[in-house]
Amino acid sequence: MMEDYRAGASVDLEHDRADLDRRVEVPLLALWGEHSVVARSPVDPLDVWRERAIDVRGATVAAGHFVVEEQPAATLAALERFLWDG
């Protein structure tokens, strides 16, 4: 986890700049907690991802910041729907 934070403040910025003109071409699933900062934002997370990806799907999960840890069954169900139902 700490490597993710380190990269976010260093090499990720370089990689992001190199990919600014590209979009994710595979289906993308975004999940966030309905009690998280993301859910309280006036910006729709799916709109943000639609700027960077072609096929964006997503929803809130009854959780806070740590969606997978707080709601593993709901997260799995969302992943299964995304992967198997297309």
Protein backbone atom coordinates (compact mmCIF):
# COMPACT_ATOMS: atom_id res chain seq x y z
CA MET A 1 0.00 0.00 0.00
CA MET A 2 2.76 2.44 0.81
CA GLU A 3 4.31 1.86 -2.62
CA ASP A 4 1.01 2.95 -4.16
CA TYR A 5 1.15 6.23 -2.21
CA ARG A 6 4.81 6.71 -3.13
CA ALA A 7 4.11 6.15 -6.81
CA GLY A 8 1.13 8.52 -6.66
CA ALA A 9 3.47 11.31 -5.62
CA SER A 10 6.21 10.51 -8.12
CA VAL A 11 6.31 8.16 -11.12
CA ASP A 12 2.51 8.02 -11.53
CA LEU A 13 2.53 11.69 -12.51
CA GLU A 14 4.99 10.97 -15.32
CA HIS A 15 2.92 7.99 -16.50
CA ASP A 16 -0.30 10.03 -16.37
CA ARG A 17 1.23 12.77 -18.53
CA ALA A 18 2.42 10.20 -21.07
CA ASP A 19 -1.10 8.75 -21.37
CA LEU A 20 -3.15 11.96 -21.42
CA ASP A 21 -4.24 11.43 -25.03
CA ARG A 22 -5.23 7.78 -24.51
CA ARG A 23 -8.41 6.22 -23.13
CA VAL A 24 -8.91 2.89 -21.41
CA GLU A 25 -10.37 0.64 -24.10
CA VAL A 26 -11.61 -2.26 -21.99
CA PRO A 27 -14.73 -2.16 -19.80
CA LEU A 28 -14.06 -0.39 -16.50
CA LEU A 29 -15.90 -0.94 -13.22
CA ALA A 30 -15.76 1.77 -10.56
CA LEU A 31 -17.13 1.06 -7.09
CA TRP A 32 -17.14 3.47 -4.17
CA GLY A 33 -18.64 3.55 -0.71
CA GLU A 34 -21.93 5.36 -0.27
CA HIS A 35 -20.58 6.78 3.01
CA SER A 36 -17.23 7.85 1.53
CA VAL A 37 -15.84 11.22 0.50
CA VAL A 38 -16.42 10.20 -3.11
CA ALA A 39 -20.16 9.82 -2.51
CA ARG A 40 -20.34 13.27 -0.87
CA SER A 41 -18.58 14.95 -3.78
CA PRO A 42 -20.66 17.08 -6.16
CA VAL A 43 -18.78 15.38 -9.01
CA ASP A 44 -20.11 12.06 -10.32
CA PRO A 45 -17.21 9.56 -10.29
CA LEU A 46 -18.57 7.91 -13.44
CA ASP A 47 -18.39 11.23 -15.29
CA VAL A 48 -14.76 11.56 -14.26
CA TRP A 49 -13.94 8.07 -15.52
CA ARG A 50 -15.86 8.63 -18.77
CA GLU A 51 -13.25 11.25 -19.64
CA ARG A 52 -10.58 8.53 -19.43
CA ALA A 53 -12.36 5.34 -20.55
CA ILE A 54 -14.71 4.20 -23.31
CA ASP A 55 -16.99 1.80 -21.40
CA VAL A 56 -17.55 2.86 -17.80
CA ARG A 57 -19.89 1.21 -15.31
CA GLY A 58 -20.15 1.55 -11.59
CA ALA A 59 -22.16 2.07 -8.45
CA THR A 60 -22.01 2.75 -4.77
CA VAL A 61 -21.65 0.01 -2.19
CA ALA A 62 -23.06 0.35 1.34
CA ALA A 63 -19.66 1.09 2.84
CA GLY A 64 -17.22 3.83 3.73
CA HIS A 65 -13.75 4.20 2.23
CA PHE A 66 -12.69 0.53 2.42
CA VAL A 67 -15.37 -1.01 0.21
CA VAL A 68 -13.81 -4.47 -0.17
CA GLU A 69 -13.03 -4.83 3.53
CA GLU A 70 -16.38 -3.48 4.72
CA GLN A 71 -18.64 -5.21 2.20
CA PRO A 72 -16.82 -8.19 0.64
CA ALA A 73 -20.02 -9.99 -0.43
CA ALA A 74 -21.50 -6.88 -2.08
CA THR A 75 -18.19 -6.18 -3.80
CA LEU A 76 -18.00 -9.74 -5.08
CA ALA A 77 -21.59 -9.56 -6.33
CA ALA A 78 -20.83 -6.34 -8.25
CA LEU A 79 -17.70 -7.89 -9.75
CA GLU A 80 -19.58 -11.02 -10.78
CA ARG A 81 -22.31 -8.97 -12.48
CA PHE A 82 -19.64 -6.93 -14.28
CA LEU A 83 -17.59 -9.95 -15.37
CA TRP A 84 -20.33 -12.43 -16.23
CA ASP A 85 -23.30 -10.30 -17.29
CA GLY A 86 -21.25 -7.87 -19.35
